[in-house]
Protein backbone atom coordinates (compact mmCIF):
# COMPACT_ATOMS: atom_id res chain seq x y z
CA MET A 1 12.95 -5.59 28.28
CA ALA A 2 15.84 -6.93 25.80
CA THR A 3 18.98 -5.35 25.32
CA PHE A 4 19.84 -4.12 22.27
CA PRO A 5 22.15 -6.01 20.23
CA PRO A 6 23.80 -5.07 16.88
CA PRO A 7 22.78 -7.26 13.92
CA TYR A 8 24.95 -10.28 14.48
CA PRO A 9 27.86 -8.54 16.39
CA GLN A 10 30.26 -11.42 16.30
CA TYR A 11 30.48 -14.47 14.32
CA SER A 12 32.55 -17.98 14.75
CA PRO A 13 33.56 -19.39 11.31
CA GLN A 14 31.06 -22.22 12.36
CA PRO A 15 27.92 -23.25 10.08
CA PRO A 16 24.86 -20.88 10.37
CA GLN A 17 22.96 -21.74 13.47
CA PRO A 18 18.75 -21.96 13.09
CA PRO A 19 16.99 -18.71 13.10
CA TYR A 20 14.89 -20.01 16.04
CA PRO A 21 16.37 -21.35 19.24
CA PRO A 22 16.97 -25.36 19.60
CA TYR A 23 13.84 -27.02 20.80
CA PRO A 24 13.78 -27.11 24.87
CA HIS A 25 15.45 -30.49 26.52
CA ASP A 26 13.52 -32.11 29.26
CA PRO A 27 16.44 -32.88 31.82
CA ALA A 28 13.95 -35.13 33.84
CA GLY A 29 13.59 -37.24 30.84
CA HIS A 30 10.07 -37.17 30.57
CA GLY A 31 9.69 -35.89 27.61
CA LEU A 32 7.61 -32.67 26.34
CA ARG A 33 3.86 -32.28 26.40
CA HIS A 34 1.82 -31.98 23.22
CA PRO A 35 -0.37 -29.59 22.94
CA ARG A 36 -4.12 -30.42 23.78
CA TRP A 37 -6.25 -31.06 20.77
CA TRP A 38 -8.44 -27.56 21.59
CA GLN A 39 -4.46 -25.93 21.54
CA ARG A 40 -3.46 -26.79 18.00
CA ARG A 41 -3.78 -24.10 15.50
CA ARG A 42 -5.75 -25.94 12.58
CA VAL A 43 -8.61 -26.43 15.83
CA ARG A 44 -8.52 -22.62 16.30
CA TYR A 45 -8.46 -21.95 12.50
CA ALA A 46 -11.65 -24.55 12.11
CA ALA A 47 -13.72 -23.24 15.18
CA LEU A 48 -13.12 -19.58 14.36
CA SER A 49 -14.14 -20.19 10.72
CA THR A 50 -17.44 -22.25 11.91
CA LEU A 51 -18.22 -19.01 14.46
CA LEU A 52 -17.87 -16.44 11.63
CA ALA A 53 -19.86 -18.87 9.10
CA LEU A 54 -22.42 -19.33 11.50
CA SER A 55 -23.12 -15.51 12.75
CA GLY A 56 -23.00 -15.04 8.43
CA LEU A 57 -25.77 -16.76 7.96
CA VAL A 58 -27.42 -15.98 10.90
CA ILE A 59 -27.31 -12.61 10.49
CA LEU A 60 -28.19 -13.08 6.51
CA ALA A 61 -31.34 -14.73 7.29
CA LEU A 62 -32.50 -11.77 10.06
CA VAL A 63 -31.63 -9.09 7.41
CA ARG A 64 -33.74 -10.99 4.61
CA GLU A 65 -36.39 -11.57 7.15
CA GLN A 66 -36.49 -7.79 7.76
CA THR A 67 -36.22 -6.43 4.19
CA GLY A 68 -37.67 -9.24 1.70
CA THR A 69 -35.46 -10.78 -0.66
CA GLU A 70 -35.85 -7.96 -3.29
CA GLY A 71 -35.34 -5.47 -0.94
CA PHE A 72 -32.12 -7.75 0.55
CA LEU A 73 -30.83 -7.71 -3.28
CA VAL A 74 -31.25 -4.18 -3.95
CA GLY A 75 -29.23 -3.29 -0.15
CA LEU A 76 -26.59 -5.28 -1.43
CA GLY A 77 -25.86 -3.93 -4.82
CA LEU A 78 -26.08 -0.48 -3.50
CA ALA A 79 -24.08 -1.88 -0.12
CA VAL A 80 -21.04 -3.02 -2.24
CA LEU A 81 -20.24 -0.05 -4.16
CA PRO A 82 -17.86 1.96 -1.35
CA VAL A 83 -16.63 -1.62 0.20
CA PRO A 84 -13.53 -1.99 -2.63
CA LEU A 85 -12.50 1.91 -2.41
CA LEU A 86 -12.18 1.88 1.24
CA VAL A 87 -10.49 -1.42 1.51
CA GLY A 88 -8.35 -0.42 -1.15
CA ALA A 89 -7.63 3.13 0.93
CA PHE A 90 -6.65 0.70 3.73
CA ARG A 91 -4.42 -1.00 1.92
CA TRP A 92 -2.68 1.43 0.07
CA LEU A 93 -2.00 2.60 3.95
CA ASP A 94 -0.63 -0.53 4.63
CA ARG A 95 1.92 -0.71 1.48
CA VAL A 96 4.94 -0.13 3.71
CA GLN A 97 4.44 -2.93 5.50
CA PRO A 98 1.95 -4.80 4.33
CA GLY A 99 0.08 -7.51 6.62
CA PRO A 100 -0.69 -10.70 5.82
CA TRP A 101 -4.49 -10.69 3.61
CA ARG A 102 -5.98 -13.70 5.89
CA ASN A 103 -5.87 -10.64 8.78
CA LEU A 104 -7.65 -8.55 6.50
CA LEU A 105 -10.04 -11.08 5.52
CA PHE A 106 -10.63 -11.92 9.30
CA ALA A 107 -11.00 -8.55 10.24
CA PHE A 108 -13.90 -7.70 7.27
CA ALA A 109 -15.51 -10.89 8.05
CA TRP A 110 -15.67 -10.24 11.84
CA GLY A 111 -17.21 -7.02 11.30
CA ALA A 112 -20.00 -8.26 8.75
CA CYS A 113 -20.82 -11.33 10.60
CA ALA A 114 -20.26 -11.50 14.18
CA ALA A 115 -20.10 -7.80 15.13
CA ALA A 116 -23.21 -7.24 13.26
CA LEU A 117 -25.07 -10.02 14.63
CA ILE A 118 -23.83 -8.68 17.99
CA ALA A 119 -25.14 -5.53 17.58
CA ILE A 120 -28.46 -6.30 16.03
CA VAL A 121 -29.30 -8.61 18.74
CA ALA A 122 -28.30 -6.53 21.39
CA ASN A 123 -29.35 -3.18 20.20
CA SER A 124 -32.99 -4.58 19.74
CA PHE A 125 -33.30 -6.45 23.20
CA ALA A 126 -31.87 -3.18 24.95
CA THR A 127 -34.12 -1.32 23.05
CA ARG A 128 -37.37 -3.02 23.44
CA TRP A 129 -36.40 -3.51 27.39
CA ILE A 130 -36.05 0.01 27.44
CA ALA A 131 -39.06 0.82 25.73
CA THR A 132 -40.98 -1.43 27.78
CA ALA A 133 -39.45 -0.27 31.46
CA THR A 134 -40.42 3.71 30.50
CA ALA A 135 -43.44 3.03 28.92
CA ASP A 136 -42.24 5.13 26.03
CA PRO A 137 -41.17 3.91 22.89
CA SER A 138 -39.86 7.24 20.89
CA SER A 139 -37.63 8.23 23.97
CA ALA A 140 -36.27 4.44 23.73
CA ASP A 141 -35.68 4.50 20.23
CA THR A 142 -33.61 8.01 20.83
CA LEU A 143 -31.80 6.19 23.58
CA GLY A 144 -30.95 3.34 21.70
CA ALA A 145 -29.56 5.17 18.90
CA THR A 146 -27.16 7.80 20.70
CA VAL A 147 -25.94 5.81 23.76
CA ILE A 148 -27.08 1.85 23.31
CA ALA A 149 -26.02 1.44 19.87
CA PRO A 150 -22.07 3.12 20.09
CA VAL A 151 -20.97 1.00 23.27
CA VAL A 152 -22.42 -2.19 21.65
CA GLU A 153 -21.27 -1.54 17.89
CA GLU A 154 -17.51 -0.46 18.87
CA SER A 155 -17.42 -3.05 21.58
CA ALA A 156 -18.28 -5.52 18.99
CA LYS A 157 -16.01 -4.24 16.22
CA ALA A 158 -12.96 -3.55 18.72
CA ALA A 159 -12.71 -7.30 19.82
CA ALA A 160 -11.47 -8.05 16.20
CA VAL A 161 -8.65 -5.62 16.79
CA LEU A 162 -8.00 -7.26 20.00
CA LEU A 163 -7.91 -10.78 18.55
CA VAL A 164 -5.46 -9.47 16.34
CA PHE A 165 -2.78 -7.69 18.70
CA LEU A 166 -3.38 -10.67 20.65
CA PHE A 167 -3.00 -13.50 18.66
CA ARG A 168 -1.11 -11.99 15.45
CA ARG A 169 1.37 -10.16 18.02
CA ARG A 170 3.84 -9.82 14.86
CA ASP A 171 1.79 -8.39 12.40
CA PHE A 172 0.65 -5.77 14.63
CA THR A 173 3.42 -3.44 15.39
CA GLY A 174 2.12 0.16 15.37
CA ILE A 175 -0.46 2.77 14.72
CA VAL A 176 -0.92 1.75 10.87
CA ASP A 177 -1.59 -1.18 11.81
CA GLY A 178 -4.20 -0.67 13.89
CA VAL A 179 -5.73 1.75 11.78
CA VAL A 180 -5.82 -0.59 9.01
CA ILE A 181 -7.76 -3.70 10.98
CA ALA A 182 -10.24 -1.42 12.78
CA GLY A 183 -11.08 0.13 9.38
CA VAL A 184 -11.47 -2.53 7.50
CA THR A 185 -13.54 -4.12 10.36
CA ALA A 186 -15.78 -1.13 10.45
CA THR A 187 -16.30 -1.61 6.71
CA GLY A 188 -17.14 -5.01 6.82
CA PHE A 189 -19.77 -3.88 9.76
CA ALA A 190 -20.86 -0.63 7.62
CA PHE A 191 -21.34 -3.29 4.33
CA THR A 192 -24.19 -5.53 6.56
CA GLU A 193 -25.53 -2.49 8.10
CA ASN A 194 -26.08 -0.24 4.94
CA ILE A 195 -27.52 -3.68 3.40
CA LEU A 196 -30.45 -3.65 6.06
CA TYR A 197 -31.17 0.57 5.94
CA LEU A 198 -31.03 0.66 2.34
CA GLY A 199 -33.15 -2.82 1.89
CA THR A 200 -35.82 -1.28 4.28
CA ALA A 201 -35.71 1.73 2.61
CA PHE A 202 -36.55 0.09 -0.20
CA GLY A 203 -39.37 -1.67 1.22
CA THR A 204 -40.86 1.42 2.39
CA ASP A 205 -40.87 3.10 -1.22
CA GLN A 206 -42.25 -0.37 -2.67
CA LEU A 207 -45.16 0.33 0.22
CA THR A 208 -45.68 4.02 -0.69
CA GLY A 209 -44.94 4.03 -4.57
CA ASP A 210 -42.09 6.59 -4.21
CA SER A 211 -38.99 6.27 -6.84
CA GLY A 212 -36.58 8.47 -8.37
CA ILE A 213 -34.48 11.24 -6.61
CA ALA A 214 -37.39 11.78 -4.06
CA SER A 215 -37.42 8.17 -3.00
CA VAL A 216 -36.38 7.10 0.75
CA THR A 217 -33.82 4.55 -1.19
CA ALA A 218 -32.22 7.61 -3.14
CA ALA A 219 -31.97 9.31 0.11
CA THR A 220 -30.64 6.91 2.39
CA PHE A 221 -28.10 5.93 -0.60
CA PHE A 222 -26.96 9.78 -0.59
CA VAL A 223 -26.50 9.94 3.56
CA ARG A 224 -24.76 6.58 3.94
CA ILE A 225 -23.07 5.56 0.82
CA VAL A 226 -21.88 9.09 -0.74
CA LEU A 227 -21.73 11.63 2.31
CA SER A 228 -20.57 9.15 5.00
CA PRO A 229 -19.29 6.04 3.96
CA PHE A 230 -16.30 6.53 6.29
CA ALA A 231 -18.19 7.21 9.34
CA HIS A 232 -17.75 3.62 10.90
CA PRO A 233 -14.47 3.28 9.92
CA LEU A 234 -13.63 7.00 11.45
CA PHE A 235 -14.79 5.76 14.85
CA THR A 236 -13.28 2.55 14.82
CA VAL A 237 -9.80 3.98 13.62
CA LEU A 238 -9.72 5.73 17.28
CA THR A 239 -9.76 2.42 19.28
CA GLY A 240 -7.19 1.02 16.40
CA ILE A 241 -4.86 3.96 17.60
CA GLY A 242 -5.07 3.18 20.92
CA PHE A 243 -3.81 -0.32 20.14
CA GLY A 244 -1.00 0.84 17.69
CA ILE A 245 0.22 2.90 20.83
CA ALA A 246 -0.08 -0.32 23.03
CA ALA A 247 1.86 -1.96 20.30
CA LEU A 248 4.97 0.94 20.34
CA SER A 249 4.64 0.69 24.16
CA GLY A 250 7.37 -0.98 26.20
CA GLU A 251 6.67 -4.59 28.27
CA ARG A 252 7.51 -2.91 31.42
CA GLN A 253 4.80 -0.27 30.44
CA ARG A 254 1.83 -2.12 30.93
CA ALA A 255 -0.51 0.25 32.26
CA ARG A 256 -0.22 2.03 29.26
CA ARG A 257 -0.66 -1.15 27.31
CA VAL A 258 -4.20 -1.29 29.28
CA LEU A 259 -5.28 2.29 29.31
CA VAL A 260 -4.54 3.82 25.47
CA PRO A 261 -6.84 1.18 23.98
CA VAL A 262 -9.35 1.78 26.42
CA ALA A 263 -9.13 5.62 25.61
CA GLY A 264 -9.30 4.89 22.26
CA LEU A 265 -12.38 2.61 22.93
CA LEU A 266 -14.27 5.29 24.43
CA LEU A 267 -13.35 7.80 22.35
CA ALA A 268 -14.46 6.03 19.08
CA MET A 269 -18.18 5.68 21.51
CA SER A 270 -18.17 9.17 22.14
CA MET A 271 -17.64 10.32 18.52
CA HIS A 272 -20.10 7.50 17.25
CA ALA A 273 -23.06 8.93 19.94
CA PHE A 274 -22.49 12.49 19.05
CA TRP A 275 -22.97 11.51 15.25
CA ASN A 276 -26.01 9.57 16.04
CA GLY A 277 -27.36 12.41 17.81
CA SER A 278 -27.18 14.90 15.26
CA SER A 279 -30.51 14.27 13.96
CA THR A 280 -31.63 15.79 17.45
CA PHE A 281 -29.97 18.62 17.01
CA GLY A 282 -32.68 20.82 15.00
CA GLN A 283 -33.43 20.46 11.54
CA TYR A 284 -30.03 21.24 10.17
CA GLY A 285 -28.19 19.17 12.92
CA PHE A 286 -26.92 16.59 11.00
CA PHE A 287 -24.96 18.73 7.99
CA ALA A 288 -23.89 20.84 10.58
CA VAL A 289 -22.17 18.06 12.57
CA TYR A 290 -21.42 16.56 9.57
CA GLY A 291 -19.50 20.01 7.98
CA MET A 292 -17.92 20.73 11.44
CA PHE A 293 -16.77 17.86 12.63
CA MET A 294 -16.65 14.89 10.82
CA VAL A 295 -14.84 16.20 7.70
CA PRO A 296 -12.16 17.48 10.13
CA ALA A 297 -11.96 14.69 12.07
CA PHE A 298 -11.76 12.66 8.94
CA GLY A 299 -8.99 14.90 7.51
CA LEU A 300 -7.25 14.72 10.80
CA LEU A 301 -7.12 11.36 11.11
CA THR A 302 -6.17 10.70 7.20
CA TRP A 303 -3.17 13.55 8.29
CA LEU A 304 -2.17 11.06 11.26
CA ALA A 305 -2.18 7.92 9.29
CA VAL A 306 -0.22 9.41 6.22
CA TRP A 307 2.59 11.20 8.91
CA THR A 308 2.72 7.79 10.53
CA ARG A 309 3.29 5.90 7.13
CA GLN A 310 5.84 8.44 5.96
CA ARG A 311 7.65 7.90 9.61
CA GLU A 312 8.25 4.39 9.29
CA LEU A 313 9.74 5.04 5.87
CA ARG A 314 12.48 7.39 7.39
CA ALA A 315 12.89 4.50 9.43
CA VAL A 316 13.65 2.35 7.24
CA ARG A 317 16.22 4.71 5.79
CA GLU A 318 17.67 5.58 9.75
CA GLU A 319 17.69 1.84 10.72
CA LEU A 320 18.84 -0.37 7.82
CA PRO A 321 22.56 1.02 6.68
CA ALA A 322 23.39 -0.94 9.92
CA TYR A 323 23.31 -3.73 7.81
CA VAL A 324 24.80 -2.56 5.30
CA TYR A 325 28.01 -1.94 7.24
CA ALA A 326 27.54 -5.59 8.33
CA GLY A 327 27.00 -7.08 5.09
CA TRP A 328 23.56 -8.10 4.94
CA LEU A 329 22.57 -5.64 2.75
CA GLY A 330 23.12 -3.63 -0.47
CA ALA A 331 24.48 0.00 -0.04
CA ALA A 332 21.84 1.16 -2.49
CA GLU A 333 19.05 -0.62 -0.21
CA PRO A 334 18.15 2.05 2.60
CA PHE A 335 17.42 4.39 -0.16
CA VAL A 336 15.18 2.40 -2.20
CA LEU A 337 13.05 0.36 0.82
CA GLY A 338 12.62 4.00 2.04
CA SER A 339 11.04 5.35 -0.88
CA MET A 340 7.68 4.00 -2.03
CA ARG A 341 8.32 5.13 -5.51
CA ALA A 342 11.56 2.99 -5.61
CA ARG A 343 9.98 0.21 -4.06
CA GLN A 344 7.19 0.30 -6.64
CA MET A 345 10.03 0.60 -9.73
CA ALA A 346 11.69 -2.31 -8.02
CA ARG A 347 8.68 -4.38 -8.15
CA GLU A 348 7.54 -3.34 -11.94
CA TYR A 349 11.19 -3.99 -12.93
CA THR A 350 11.25 -7.53 -11.43
CA ALA A 351 7.77 -8.75 -12.43
CA TYR A 352 8.05 -6.97 -16.44
CA HIS A 353 11.76 -9.18 -16.67
CA PHE A 354 10.88 -12.34 -14.92
CA GLY A 355 7.41 -12.54 -14.22
CA LYS A 356 4.75 -12.11 -11.37
CA ALA A 357 6.19 -14.50 -9.11
CA ALA A 358 9.57 -12.70 -8.83
CA GLY A 359 7.51 -9.43 -8.26
CA ARG A 360 5.74 -11.17 -5.46
CA ALA A 361 9.38 -11.93 -4.26
CA VAL A 362 10.23 -8.31 -4.04
CA ALA A 363 7.48 -7.00 -2.41
CA GLU A 364 7.80 -9.84 0.09
CA TYR A 365 11.80 -8.84 0.58
CA GLU A 366 10.51 -4.87 0.99
CA GLY A 367 7.53 -6.13 3.76
CA TYR A 368 10.90 -8.05 5.85
CA ALA A 369 12.84 -5.66 5.59
CA THR A 370 10.49 -2.82 6.68
CA THR A 371 9.82 -5.16 9.42
CA LEU A 372 13.23 -5.73 10.37
CA ALA A 373 14.15 -1.70 10.42
CA LEU A 374 10.84 -1.42 12.84
CA LEU A 375 11.78 -3.88 15.07
CA ARG A 376 15.60 -2.00 15.25
CA ARG A 377 14.14 1.07 16.17
CA ARG A 378 11.64 -0.54 18.95
CA GLY A 379 15.15 -2.60 20.27
CA ARG A 380 17.24 1.03 19.78
CA ARG A 381 14.72 2.39 22.26
CA GLY A 382 14.66 -0.70 25.15
CA ARG A 383 11.12 -1.50 23.48
CA ALA A 384 11.96 -4.77 22.11
CA GLY A 385 10.45 -8.41 23.39
CA ALA A 386 12.64 -10.95 24.45
CA ASP A 387 12.66 -12.58 21.24
CA PHE A 388 14.63 -9.84 19.52
CA VAL A 389 17.50 -11.85 18.54
CA ALA A 390 15.64 -14.98 17.10
CA ARG A 391 12.98 -12.42 15.30
CA GLU A 392 15.67 -10.46 13.86
CA ARG A 393 17.82 -13.24 12.72
CA GLU A 394 14.58 -14.86 11.26
CA LEU A 395 14.25 -12.01 9.32
CA LEU A 396 17.94 -11.77 8.16
CA THR A 397 17.55 -15.03 6.78
CA GLU A 398 14.03 -14.35 4.98
CA LEU A 399 15.86 -11.55 2.84
CA TRP A 400 19.00 -13.69 2.50
CA SER A 401 17.58 -16.12 0.98
CA ARG A 402 15.92 -13.67 -1.58
CA ARG A 403 18.61 -11.18 -2.42
CA GLU A 404 20.02 -13.10 -5.56
CA LEU A 405 16.72 -12.21 -7.25
CA VAL A 406 16.07 -8.52 -5.69
CA ARG A 407 19.64 -7.08 -5.52
CA PRO A 408 19.79 -6.31 -9.31
CA ALA A 409 15.94 -4.84 -9.12
CA LEU A 410 17.00 -2.71 -5.97
CA GLU A 411 20.09 -1.20 -8.00
CA TYR A 412 18.05 -0.82 -10.72
CA ALA A 413 15.39 1.05 -8.95
CA ALA A 414 17.77 3.75 -6.95
CA ARG A 415 19.43 4.08 -10.19
CA THR A 416 16.44 5.43 -11.69
CA ALA A 417 14.58 7.05 -8.37
CA ALA A 418 17.37 9.14 -7.32
CA PRO A 419 17.85 12.19 -9.00
CA GLY A 420 20.55 12.24 -11.14
CA GLY A 421 21.15 8.77 -10.21
CA TRP A 422 22.03 7.33 -6.76
CA ARG A 423 25.32 7.70 -5.02
CA PRO A 424 26.62 6.48 -1.85
CA GLY A 425 25.28 8.78 0.91
CA TYR A 426 22.70 10.17 -0.71
CA ALA A 427 20.39 8.11 1.52
CA GLY A 428 21.71 9.78 4.22
CA TYR A 429 24.54 7.63 5.14
CA ALA A 430 27.99 7.42 3.96
CA PRO A 431 29.49 4.36 3.71
CA PRO A 432 32.87 3.68 5.18
CA ALA A 433 35.97 4.68 3.13
CA TYR A 434 37.93 2.03 1.93
CA GLY A 435 40.23 0.70 4.45
CA ALA A 436 38.27 2.26 7.37
CA ALA A 437 36.88 0.09 10.31
CA ALA A 438 33.03 -0.80 9.89
CA PRO A 439 31.16 -0.40 13.28
CA TYR A 440 29.79 -3.88 12.99
CA PRO A 441 31.92 -7.15 11.42
CA ALA A 442 30.85 -7.31 7.72
CA TYR A 443 31.64 -11.22 7.94
CA ASN A 444 28.15 -12.84 6.69
CA PRO A 445 27.89 -16.79 8.07
CA TYR A 446 25.79 -17.42 5.11
CA ARG A 447 28.61 -16.82 2.72
CA SER A 448 30.86 -19.14 1.69
């Protein structure tokens, strides 16, 4: 467990050191072994992209075979409607410390392609095997929907969260990150599943001649797109919360880092099974489960996600003043970076006066500062990794390189957003009086 140092506590008047440790030296003089071809990042990216592309082609062929071309197009057009709303909601939740888009694209692609393919193949195989073994197709369908499908589907979706947790650890720092990755993965999965259900319903209507509100397509659209577009994200978010708690745990809390994600996955499976089994609870079982269980659970998890986001903003306001004392940040920055309204003002001000690229630089600055605050909080609680110092230096370097462009915008946002104008001490701290000793030396190695 890393000890918690103050930000750059002591400096000598030497040129700035690189943000990363120097390259290791081989005392034997044999040189370091180069990574093998399968260990290179480009090879891993290419392999993952190929896997997702092949899964997408296979799932496309399977869904089109089952629904027909016309049914597939109708299902696609209807299933895509809730996707922008759900992805936008999760992206809004992630605005405090936005993760890279590549993680969200991977999560959505995994859910829509790989997880959906695993679910279709595994569910079909298991249901057929149960029907053959029991000679009771009706019971096999019920058992497949309430037992097999929740286990297979939630495990397949959880794989995306696990991969981001393991291989994009710097982007996975807490509960909000787990909620966002899990929710986007489940949104992709629901998108493909809705194409299948809506396309099949349209094919049924073509055979029976039904149309309009009384059609199977309209009923399926109402249940899956209008009433419960959040169902799959709601289940998988429980798994994401488990991984988020694991990300907040210390390195020595190994049991917690393993058991909490497993517990979240089991809760997701149980909730999914309960939802799938609601149709067997009588004529109004579905609506009873929806009103008494799904809606309250959705409200509770939404509150938890928003509360966690506000907690991150509070951490920004509480942790960044240490870097103000050390000379890395301006006095108004903890207040601005701890307020979503002030942050938006800073971005809009810069984009209006200096262009969209400058606005993106402010957004990057806000993201790096938030990551720095959360890193410092983990360090203060003894949960930072062994790379705490190197990571802190890297983040401070990113902030310092953007300071000339960003600081005027942050000062403008502080004056505009604070009631009566920003003043020292407004953000919950007061800078030291003139001549008083700051808690950390204010010397900055990047200042000539």
